[in-house]
mmCIF file of all heavy atoms, coordinates in Angstrom:
data_MODEL
# 
_entry.id   MODEL 
# 
loop_
_atom_site.group_PDB 
_atom_site.id 
_atom_site.type_symbol 
_atom_site.label_atom_id 
_atom_site.label_alt_id 
_atom_site.label_comp_id 
_atom_site.label_asym_id 
_atom_site.label_entity_id 
_atom_site.label_seq_id 
_atom_site.pdbx_PDB_ins_code 
_atom_site.Cartn_x 
_atom_site.Cartn_y 
_atom_site.Cartn_z 
_atom_site.occupancy 
_atom_site.B_iso_or_equiv 
_atom_site.pdbx_formal_charge 
_atom_site.auth_seq_id 
_atom_site.auth_comp_id 
_atom_site.auth_asym_id 
_atom_site.auth_atom_id 
_atom_site.pdbx_PDB_model_num 
ATOM 1   N N   . ILE A 1 1  ? 1.081   -5.609  3.540  1.00 0.00 ? 1  ILE A N   1 
ATOM 2   C CA  . ILE A 1 1  ? 1.737   -5.624  2.263  1.00 0.00 ? 1  ILE A CA  1 
ATOM 3   C C   . ILE A 1 1  ? 3.165   -6.149  2.367  1.00 0.00 ? 1  ILE A C   1 
ATOM 4   O O   . ILE A 1 1  ? 3.667   -6.881  1.519  1.00 0.00 ? 1  ILE A O   1 
ATOM 5   C CB  . ILE A 1 1  ? 1.713   -4.211  1.595  1.00 0.00 ? 1  ILE A CB  1 
ATOM 6   C CG1 . ILE A 1 1  ? 0.274   -3.857  1.201  1.00 0.00 ? 1  ILE A CG1 1 
ATOM 7   C CG2 . ILE A 1 1  ? 2.663   -4.136  0.443  1.00 0.00 ? 1  ILE A CG2 1 
ATOM 8   C CD1 . ILE A 1 1  ? -0.276  -4.615  0.003  1.00 0.00 ? 1  ILE A CD1 1 
ATOM 9   N N   . ALA A 1 2  ? 3.824   -5.801  3.473  1.00 0.00 ? 2  ALA A N   1 
ATOM 10  C CA  . ALA A 1 2  ? 5.233   -6.163  3.651  1.00 0.00 ? 2  ALA A CA  1 
ATOM 11  C C   . ALA A 1 2  ? 5.402   -7.487  4.358  1.00 0.00 ? 2  ALA A C   1 
ATOM 12  O O   . ALA A 1 2  ? 6.551   -7.904  4.608  1.00 0.00 ? 2  ALA A O   1 
ATOM 13  C CB  . ALA A 1 2  ? 5.931   -5.071  4.457  1.00 0.00 ? 2  ALA A CB  1 
ATOM 14  N N   . SER A 1 3  ? 4.327   -8.212  4.668  1.00 0.00 ? 3  SER A N   1 
ATOM 15  C CA  . SER A 1 3  ? 4.384   -9.382  5.515  1.00 0.00 ? 3  SER A CA  1 
ATOM 16  C C   . SER A 1 3  ? 5.194   -10.541 4.910  1.00 0.00 ? 3  SER A C   1 
ATOM 17  O O   . SER A 1 3  ? 5.625   -11.433 5.652  1.00 0.00 ? 3  SER A O   1 
ATOM 18  C CB  . SER A 1 3  ? 2.989   -9.854  5.856  1.00 0.00 ? 3  SER A CB  1 
ATOM 19  O OG  . SER A 1 3  ? 2.261   -10.245 4.708  1.00 0.00 ? 3  SER A OG  1 
ATOM 20  N N   . LYS A 1 4  ? 5.392   -10.513 3.598  1.00 0.00 ? 4  LYS A N   1 
ATOM 21  C CA  . LYS A 1 4  ? 6.169   -11.641 2.942  1.00 0.00 ? 4  LYS A CA  1 
ATOM 22  C C   . LYS A 1 4  ? 7.511   -11.149 2.475  1.00 0.00 ? 4  LYS A C   1 
ATOM 23  O O   . LYS A 1 4  ? 8.132   -11.778 1.621  1.00 0.00 ? 4  LYS A O   1 
ATOM 24  C CB  . LYS A 1 4  ? 5.335   -12.253 1.816  1.00 0.00 ? 4  LYS A CB  1 
ATOM 25  C CG  . LYS A 1 4  ? 4.123   -12.995 2.337  1.00 0.00 ? 4  LYS A CG  1 
ATOM 26  C CD  . LYS A 1 4  ? 3.451   -13.748 1.221  1.00 0.00 ? 4  LYS A CD  1 
ATOM 27  C CE  . LYS A 1 4  ? 2.223   -14.552 1.769  1.00 0.00 ? 4  LYS A CE  1 
ATOM 28  N NZ  . LYS A 1 4  ? 1.523   -15.344 0.696  1.00 0.00 ? 4  LYS A NZ  1 
ATOM 29  N N   . GLY A 1 5  ? 7.957   -10.010 2.985  1.00 0.00 ? 5  GLY A N   1 
ATOM 30  C CA  . GLY A 1 5  ? 9.315   -9.552  2.763  1.00 0.00 ? 5  GLY A CA  1 
ATOM 31  C C   . GLY A 1 5  ? 9.573   -8.814  1.446  1.00 0.00 ? 5  GLY A C   1 
ATOM 32  O O   . GLY A 1 5  ? 10.696  -8.708  0.999  1.00 0.00 ? 5  GLY A O   1 
ATOM 33  N N   . TRP A 1 6  ? 8.509   -8.189  0.887  1.00 0.00 ? 6  TRP A N   1 
ATOM 34  C CA  . TRP A 1 6  ? 8.686   -7.450  -0.365 1.00 0.00 ? 6  TRP A CA  1 
ATOM 35  C C   . TRP A 1 6  ? 9.731   -6.338  -0.175 1.00 0.00 ? 6  TRP A C   1 
ATOM 36  O O   . TRP A 1 6  ? 9.610   -5.493  0.692  1.00 0.00 ? 6  TRP A O   1 
ATOM 37  C CB  . TRP A 1 6  ? 7.341   -6.821  -0.762 1.00 0.00 ? 6  TRP A CB  1 
ATOM 38  C CG  . TRP A 1 6  ? 7.355   -6.140  -2.128 1.00 0.00 ? 6  TRP A CG  1 
ATOM 39  C CD1 . TRP A 1 6  ? 8.175   -6.355  -3.139 1.00 0.00 ? 6  TRP A CD1 1 
ATOM 40  C CD2 . TRP A 1 6  ? 6.431   -5.088  -2.531 1.00 0.00 ? 6  TRP A CD2 1 
ATOM 41  N NE1 . TRP A 1 6  ? 7.857   -5.533  -4.199 1.00 0.00 ? 6  TRP A NE1 1 
ATOM 42  C CE2 . TRP A 1 6  ? 6.815   -4.761  -3.834 1.00 0.00 ? 6  TRP A CE2 1 
ATOM 43  C CE3 . TRP A 1 6  ? 5.393   -4.478  -1.894 1.00 0.00 ? 6  TRP A CE3 1 
ATOM 44  C CZ2 . TRP A 1 6  ? 6.144   -3.748  -4.548 1.00 0.00 ? 6  TRP A CZ2 1 
ATOM 45  C CZ3 . TRP A 1 6  ? 4.732   -3.468  -2.630 1.00 0.00 ? 6  TRP A CZ3 1 
ATOM 46  C CH2 . TRP A 1 6  ? 5.080   -3.165  -3.894 1.00 0.00 ? 6  TRP A CH2 1 
ATOM 47  N N   . LYS A 1 7  ? 10.767  -6.356  -0.985 1.00 0.00 ? 7  LYS A N   1 
ATOM 48  C CA  . LYS A 1 7  ? 11.904  -5.458  -0.862 1.00 0.00 ? 7  LYS A CA  1 
ATOM 49  C C   . LYS A 1 7  ? 11.512  -3.981  -1.041 1.00 0.00 ? 7  LYS A C   1 
ATOM 50  O O   . LYS A 1 7  ? 12.129  -3.066  -0.574 1.00 0.00 ? 7  LYS A O   1 
ATOM 51  C CB  . LYS A 1 7  ? 13.016  -5.826  -1.817 1.00 0.00 ? 7  LYS A CB  1 
ATOM 52  C CG  . LYS A 1 7  ? 13.712  -7.128  -1.483 1.00 0.00 ? 7  LYS A CG  1 
ATOM 53  C CD  . LYS A 1 7  ? 14.907  -7.359  -2.359 1.00 0.00 ? 7  LYS A CD  1 
ATOM 54  C CE  . LYS A 1 7  ? 14.486  -7.579  -3.841 1.00 0.00 ? 7  LYS A CE  1 
ATOM 55  N NZ  . LYS A 1 7  ? 15.681  -7.957  -4.627 1.00 0.00 ? 7  LYS A NZ  1 
ATOM 56  N N   . LEU A 1 8  ? 10.466  -3.781  -1.866 1.00 0.00 ? 8  LEU A N   1 
ATOM 57  C CA  . LEU A 1 8  ? 10.036  -2.391  -2.223 1.00 0.00 ? 8  LEU A CA  1 
ATOM 58  C C   . LEU A 1 8  ? 8.848   -1.909  -1.413 1.00 0.00 ? 8  LEU A C   1 
ATOM 59  O O   . LEU A 1 8  ? 8.209   -0.910  -1.773 1.00 0.00 ? 8  LEU A O   1 
ATOM 60  C CB  . LEU A 1 8  ? 9.796   -2.277  -3.690 1.00 0.00 ? 8  LEU A CB  1 
ATOM 61  C CG  . LEU A 1 8  ? 11.020  -2.573  -4.627 1.00 0.00 ? 8  LEU A CG  1 
ATOM 62  C CD1 . LEU A 1 8  ? 10.588  -2.503  -6.050 1.00 0.00 ? 8  LEU A CD1 1 
ATOM 63  C CD2 . LEU A 1 8  ? 12.135  -1.601  -4.311 1.00 0.00 ? 8  LEU A CD2 1 
ATOM 64  N N   . ALA A 1 9  ? 8.517   -2.600  -0.302 1.00 0.00 ? 9  ALA A N   1 
ATOM 65  C CA  . ALA A 1 9  ? 7.341   -2.212  0.470  1.00 0.00 ? 9  ALA A CA  1 
ATOM 66  C C   . ALA A 1 9  ? 7.457   -0.874  1.053  1.00 0.00 ? 9  ALA A C   1 
ATOM 67  O O   . ALA A 1 9  ? 6.473   -0.078  1.090  1.00 0.00 ? 9  ALA A O   1 
ATOM 68  C CB  . ALA A 1 9  ? 7.115   -3.233  1.580  1.00 0.00 ? 9  ALA A CB  1 
ATOM 69  N N   . ASP A 1 10 ? 8.641   -0.429  1.487  1.00 0.00 ? 10 ASP A N   1 
ATOM 70  C CA  . ASP A 1 10 ? 8.784   0.920   2.017  1.00 0.00 ? 10 ASP A CA  1 
ATOM 71  C C   . ASP A 1 10 ? 8.566   1.988   0.979  1.00 0.00 ? 10 ASP A C   1 
ATOM 72  O O   . ASP A 1 10 ? 7.915   3.001   1.264  1.00 0.00 ? 10 ASP A O   1 
ATOM 73  C CB  . ASP A 1 10 ? 10.235  1.098   2.587  1.00 0.00 ? 10 ASP A CB  1 
ATOM 74  C CG  . ASP A 1 10 ? 10.416  0.371   3.910  1.00 0.00 ? 10 ASP A CG  1 
ATOM 75  O OD1 . ASP A 1 10 ? 9.643   0.619   4.837  1.00 0.00 ? 10 ASP A OD1 1 
ATOM 76  O OD2 . ASP A 1 10 ? 11.325  -0.479  3.991  1.00 0.00 ? 10 ASP A OD2 1 
ATOM 77  N N   . ASP A 1 11 ? 9.001   1.746   -0.257 1.00 0.00 ? 11 ASP A N   1 
ATOM 78  C CA  . ASP A 1 11 ? 8.763   2.640   -1.345 1.00 0.00 ? 11 ASP A CA  1 
ATOM 79  C C   . ASP A 1 11 ? 7.295   2.714   -1.671 1.00 0.00 ? 11 ASP A C   1 
ATOM 80  O O   . ASP A 1 11 ? 6.738   3.794   -1.937 1.00 0.00 ? 11 ASP A O   1 
ATOM 81  C CB  . ASP A 1 11 ? 9.572   2.190   -2.570 1.00 0.00 ? 11 ASP A CB  1 
ATOM 82  C CG  . ASP A 1 11 ? 9.476   3.182   -3.710 1.00 0.00 ? 11 ASP A CG  1 
ATOM 83  O OD1 . ASP A 1 11 ? 9.720   4.405   -3.488 1.00 0.00 ? 11 ASP A OD1 1 
ATOM 84  O OD2 . ASP A 1 11 ? 9.096   2.744   -4.824 1.00 0.00 ? 11 ASP A OD2 1 
ATOM 85  N N   . TRP A 1 12 ? 6.612   1.538   -1.655 1.00 0.00 ? 12 TRP A N   1 
ATOM 86  C CA  . TRP A 1 12 ? 5.189   1.488   -1.943 1.00 0.00 ? 12 TRP A CA  1 
ATOM 87  C C   . TRP A 1 12 ? 4.403   2.309   -0.895 1.00 0.00 ? 12 TRP A C   1 
ATOM 88  O O   . TRP A 1 12 ? 3.510   3.071   -1.250 1.00 0.00 ? 12 TRP A O   1 
ATOM 89  C CB  . TRP A 1 12 ? 4.691   0.058   -1.965 1.00 0.00 ? 12 TRP A CB  1 
ATOM 90  C CG  . TRP A 1 12 ? 3.194   -0.019  -2.065 1.00 0.00 ? 12 TRP A CG  1 
ATOM 91  C CD1 . TRP A 1 12 ? 2.516   -0.003  -3.260 1.00 0.00 ? 12 TRP A CD1 1 
ATOM 92  C CD2 . TRP A 1 12 ? 2.209   -0.104  -1.037 1.00 0.00 ? 12 TRP A CD2 1 
ATOM 93  N NE1 . TRP A 1 12 ? 1.114   -0.068  -2.987 1.00 0.00 ? 12 TRP A NE1 1 
ATOM 94  C CE2 . TRP A 1 12 ? 0.953   -0.103  -1.600 1.00 0.00 ? 12 TRP A CE2 1 
ATOM 95  C CE3 . TRP A 1 12 ? 2.304   -0.143  0.359  1.00 0.00 ? 12 TRP A CE3 1 
ATOM 96  C CZ2 . TRP A 1 12 ? -0.216  -0.167  -0.894 1.00 0.00 ? 12 TRP A CZ2 1 
ATOM 97  C CZ3 . TRP A 1 12 ? 1.164   -0.229  1.127  1.00 0.00 ? 12 TRP A CZ3 1 
ATOM 98  C CH2 . TRP A 1 12 ? -0.103  -0.238  0.465  1.00 0.00 ? 12 TRP A CH2 1 
ATOM 99  N N   . LYS A 1 13 ? 4.816   2.195   0.368  1.00 0.00 ? 13 LYS A N   1 
ATOM 100 C CA  . LYS A 1 13 ? 4.106   2.927   1.465  1.00 0.00 ? 13 LYS A CA  1 
ATOM 101 C C   . LYS A 1 13 ? 4.140   4.423   1.186  1.00 0.00 ? 13 LYS A C   1 
ATOM 102 O O   . LYS A 1 13 ? 3.137   5.132   1.406  1.00 0.00 ? 13 LYS A O   1 
ATOM 103 C CB  . LYS A 1 13 ? 4.840   2.586   2.768  1.00 0.00 ? 13 LYS A CB  1 
ATOM 104 C CG  . LYS A 1 13 ? 4.250   3.371   3.946  1.00 0.00 ? 13 LYS A CG  1 
ATOM 105 C CD  . LYS A 1 13 ? 4.999   3.008   5.240  1.00 0.00 ? 13 LYS A CD  1 
ATOM 106 C CE  . LYS A 1 13 ? 4.442   3.766   6.429  1.00 0.00 ? 13 LYS A CE  1 
ATOM 107 N NZ  . LYS A 1 13 ? 5.210   3.439   7.677  1.00 0.00 ? 13 LYS A NZ  1 
ATOM 108 N N   . LYS A 1 14 ? 5.276   4.945   0.718  1.00 0.00 ? 14 LYS A N   1 
ATOM 109 C CA  . LYS A 1 14 ? 5.350   6.379   0.422  1.00 0.00 ? 14 LYS A CA  1 
ATOM 110 C C   . LYS A 1 14 ? 4.467   6.783   -0.799 1.00 0.00 ? 14 LYS A C   1 
ATOM 111 O O   . LYS A 1 14 ? 3.877   7.859   -0.771 1.00 0.00 ? 14 LYS A O   1 
ATOM 112 C CB  . LYS A 1 14 ? 6.803   6.748   0.130  1.00 0.00 ? 14 LYS A CB  1 
ATOM 113 C CG  . LYS A 1 14 ? 7.753   6.534   1.300  1.00 0.00 ? 14 LYS A CG  1 
ATOM 114 C CD  . LYS A 1 14 ? 9.159   6.813   0.907  1.00 0.00 ? 14 LYS A CD  1 
ATOM 115 C CE  . LYS A 1 14 ? 10.142  6.499   2.064  1.00 0.00 ? 14 LYS A CE  1 
ATOM 116 N NZ  . LYS A 1 14 ? 11.563  6.649   1.714  1.00 0.00 ? 14 LYS A NZ  1 
ATOM 117 N N   . LYS A 1 15 ? 4.336   5.877   -1.776 1.00 0.00 ? 15 LYS A N   1 
ATOM 118 C CA  . LYS A 1 15 ? 3.573   6.201   -2.967 1.00 0.00 ? 15 LYS A CA  1 
ATOM 119 C C   . LYS A 1 15 ? 2.063   6.101   -2.710 1.00 0.00 ? 15 LYS A C   1 
ATOM 120 O O   . LYS A 1 15 ? 1.294   6.835   -3.319 1.00 0.00 ? 15 LYS A O   1 
ATOM 121 C CB  . LYS A 1 15 ? 3.990   5.274   -4.121 1.00 0.00 ? 15 LYS A CB  1 
ATOM 122 C CG  . LYS A 1 15 ? 5.407   5.594   -4.618 1.00 0.00 ? 15 LYS A CG  1 
ATOM 123 C CD  . LYS A 1 15 ? 5.761   4.596   -5.746 1.00 0.00 ? 15 LYS A CD  1 
ATOM 124 C CE  . LYS A 1 15 ? 7.118   4.905   -6.349 1.00 0.00 ? 15 LYS A CE  1 
ATOM 125 N NZ  . LYS A 1 15 ? 7.531   3.950   -7.363 1.00 0.00 ? 15 LYS A NZ  1 
ATOM 126 N N   . ALA A 1 16 ? 1.661   5.191   -1.858 1.00 0.00 ? 16 ALA A N   1 
ATOM 127 C CA  . ALA A 1 16 ? 0.254   5.008   -1.497 1.00 0.00 ? 16 ALA A CA  1 
ATOM 128 C C   . ALA A 1 16 ? -0.163  6.036   -0.446 1.00 0.00 ? 16 ALA A C   1 
ATOM 129 O O   . ALA A 1 16 ? -0.548  5.684   0.664  1.00 0.00 ? 16 ALA A O   1 
ATOM 130 C CB  . ALA A 1 16 ? 0.036   3.572   -1.030 1.00 0.00 ? 16 ALA A CB  1 
ATOM 131 N N   . ASN A 1 17 ? -0.013  7.319   -0.832 1.00 0.00 ? 17 ASN A N   1 
ATOM 132 C CA  . ASN A 1 17 ? -0.095  8.412   0.122  1.00 0.00 ? 17 ASN A CA  1 
ATOM 133 C C   . ASN A 1 17 ? -1.402  9.154   0.205  1.00 0.00 ? 17 ASN A C   1 
ATOM 134 O O   . ASN A 1 17 ? -1.474  10.340  0.506  1.00 0.00 ? 17 ASN A O   1 
ATOM 135 C CB  . ASN A 1 17 ? 1.048   9.407   -0.178 1.00 0.00 ? 17 ASN A CB  1 
ATOM 136 C CG  . ASN A 1 17 ? 0.908   10.037  -1.529 1.00 0.00 ? 17 ASN A CG  1 
ATOM 137 O OD1 . ASN A 1 17 ? 0.024   9.640   -2.292 1.00 0.00 ? 17 ASN A OD1 1 
ATOM 138 N ND2 . ASN A 1 17 ? 1.795   10.939  -1.855 1.00 0.00 ? 17 ASN A ND2 1 
ATOM 139 N N   . GLY A 1 18 ? -2.522  8.393   -0.058 1.00 0.00 ? 18 GLY A N   1 
ATOM 140 C CA  . GLY A 1 18 ? -3.816  9.002   0.048  1.00 0.00 ? 18 GLY A CA  1 
ATOM 141 C C   . GLY A 1 18 ? -4.785  8.001   0.648  1.00 0.00 ? 18 GLY A C   1 
ATOM 142 O O   . GLY A 1 18 ? -4.403  6.862   0.985  1.00 0.00 ? 18 GLY A O   1 
ATOM 143 N N   . ILE A 1 19 ? -6.052  8.406   0.806  1.00 0.00 ? 19 ILE A N   1 
ATOM 144 C CA  . ILE A 1 19 ? -7.042  7.441   1.342  1.00 0.00 ? 19 ILE A CA  1 
ATOM 145 C C   . ILE A 1 19 ? -7.813  6.819   0.182  1.00 0.00 ? 19 ILE A C   1 
ATOM 146 O O   . ILE A 1 19 ? -7.757  7.315   -0.950 1.00 0.00 ? 19 ILE A O   1 
ATOM 147 C CB  . ILE A 1 19 ? -8.016  8.120   2.317  1.00 0.00 ? 19 ILE A CB  1 
ATOM 148 C CG1 . ILE A 1 19 ? -8.837  9.212   1.650  1.00 0.00 ? 19 ILE A CG1 1 
ATOM 149 C CG2 . ILE A 1 19 ? -7.242  8.677   3.533  1.00 0.00 ? 19 ILE A CG2 1 
ATOM 150 C CD1 . ILE A 1 19 ? -9.906  9.804   2.551  1.00 0.00 ? 19 ILE A CD1 1 
ATOM 151 N N   . ALA A 1 20 ? -8.515  5.774   0.454  1.00 0.00 ? 20 ALA A N   1 
ATOM 152 C CA  . ALA A 1 20 ? -9.162  4.942   -0.563 1.00 0.00 ? 20 ALA A CA  1 
ATOM 153 C C   . ALA A 1 20 ? -10.406 5.625   -1.130 1.00 0.00 ? 20 ALA A C   1 
ATOM 154 O O   . ALA A 1 20 ? -11.127 6.354   -0.414 1.00 0.00 ? 20 ALA A O   1 
ATOM 155 C CB  . ALA A 1 20 ? -9.526  3.585   -0.024 1.00 0.00 ? 20 ALA A CB  1 
ATOM 156 N N   . PRO A 1 21 ? -10.745 5.331   -2.389 1.00 0.00 ? 21 PRO A N   1 
ATOM 157 C CA  . PRO A 1 21 ? -12.092 5.646   -2.868 1.00 0.00 ? 21 PRO A CA  1 
ATOM 158 C C   . PRO A 1 21 ? -13.093 4.708   -2.181 1.00 0.00 ? 21 PRO A C   1 
ATOM 159 O O   . PRO A 1 21 ? -12.703 3.789   -1.434 1.00 0.00 ? 21 PRO A O   1 
ATOM 160 C CB  . PRO A 1 21 ? -11.994 5.322   -4.382 1.00 0.00 ? 21 PRO A CB  1 
ATOM 161 C CG  . PRO A 1 21 ? -10.918 4.343   -4.501 1.00 0.00 ? 21 PRO A CG  1 
ATOM 162 C CD  . PRO A 1 21 ? -9.949  4.675   -3.425 1.00 0.00 ? 21 PRO A CD  1 
ATOM 163 N N   . THR A 1 22 ? -14.353 4.924   -2.406 1.00 0.00 ? 22 THR A N   1 
ATOM 164 C CA  . THR A 1 22 ? -15.401 4.115   -1.735 1.00 0.00 ? 22 THR A CA  1 
ATOM 165 C C   . THR A 1 22 ? -15.283 2.667   -2.079 1.00 0.00 ? 22 THR A C   1 
ATOM 166 O O   . THR A 1 22 ? -15.236 2.278   -3.234 1.00 0.00 ? 22 THR A O   1 
ATOM 167 C CB  . THR A 1 22 ? -16.798 4.637   -2.155 1.00 0.00 ? 22 THR A CB  1 
ATOM 168 O OG1 . THR A 1 22 ? -16.908 6.020   -1.824 1.00 0.00 ? 22 THR A OG1 1 
ATOM 169 C CG2 . THR A 1 22 ? -17.871 3.854   -1.391 1.00 0.00 ? 22 THR A CG2 1 
ATOM 170 N N   . ILE A 1 23 ? -15.182 1.826   -1.034 1.00 0.00 ? 23 ILE A N   1 
ATOM 171 C CA  . ILE A 1 23 ? -15.256 0.379   -1.206 1.00 0.00 ? 23 ILE A CA  1 
ATOM 172 C C   . ILE A 1 23 ? -16.703 -0.004  -1.551 1.00 0.00 ? 23 ILE A C   1 
ATOM 173 O O   . ILE A 1 23 ? -17.640 0.403   -0.900 1.00 0.00 ? 23 ILE A O   1 
ATOM 174 C CB  . ILE A 1 23 ? -14.834 -0.376  0.070  1.00 0.00 ? 23 ILE A CB  1 
ATOM 175 C CG1 . ILE A 1 23 ? -13.444 0.030   0.511  1.00 0.00 ? 23 ILE A CG1 1 
ATOM 176 C CG2 . ILE A 1 23 ? -14.936 -1.869  -0.112 1.00 0.00 ? 23 ILE A CG2 1 
ATOM 177 C CD1 . ILE A 1 23 ? -12.338 -0.433  -0.439 1.00 0.00 ? 23 ILE A CD1 1 
ATOM 178 N N   . VAL A 1 24 ? -16.880 -0.736  -2.654 1.00 0.00 ? 24 VAL A N   1 
ATOM 179 C CA  . VAL A 1 24 ? -18.214 -1.126  -3.067 1.00 0.00 ? 24 VAL A CA  1 
ATOM 180 C C   . VAL A 1 24 ? -18.375 -2.647  -3.025 1.00 0.00 ? 24 VAL A C   1 
ATOM 181 O O   . VAL A 1 24 ? -17.497 -3.395  -3.472 1.00 0.00 ? 24 VAL A O   1 
ATOM 182 C CB  . VAL A 1 24 ? -18.520 -0.620  -4.518 1.00 0.00 ? 24 VAL A CB  1 
ATOM 183 C CG1 . VAL A 1 24 ? -18.619 0.906   -4.532 1.00 0.00 ? 24 VAL A CG1 1 
ATOM 184 C CG2 . VAL A 1 24 ? -17.485 -1.071  -5.518 1.00 0.00 ? 24 VAL A CG2 1 
ATOM 185 N N   . GLY A 1 25 ? -19.497 -3.069  -2.504 1.00 0.00 ? 25 GLY A N   1 
ATOM 186 C CA  . GLY A 1 25 ? -19.745 -4.501  -2.375 1.00 0.00 ? 25 GLY A CA  1 
ATOM 187 C C   . GLY A 1 25 ? -20.639 -4.959  -3.502 1.00 0.00 ? 25 GLY A C   1 
ATOM 188 O O   . GLY A 1 25 ? -20.458 -6.024  -4.093 1.00 0.00 ? 25 GLY A O   1 
# 
């Protein structure tokens, strides 16, 4: 997510603080 220099990536990391629901194909 931070690979292109997003200034708020650190903040996003803290907010995305759970695991994913089931990935469905």
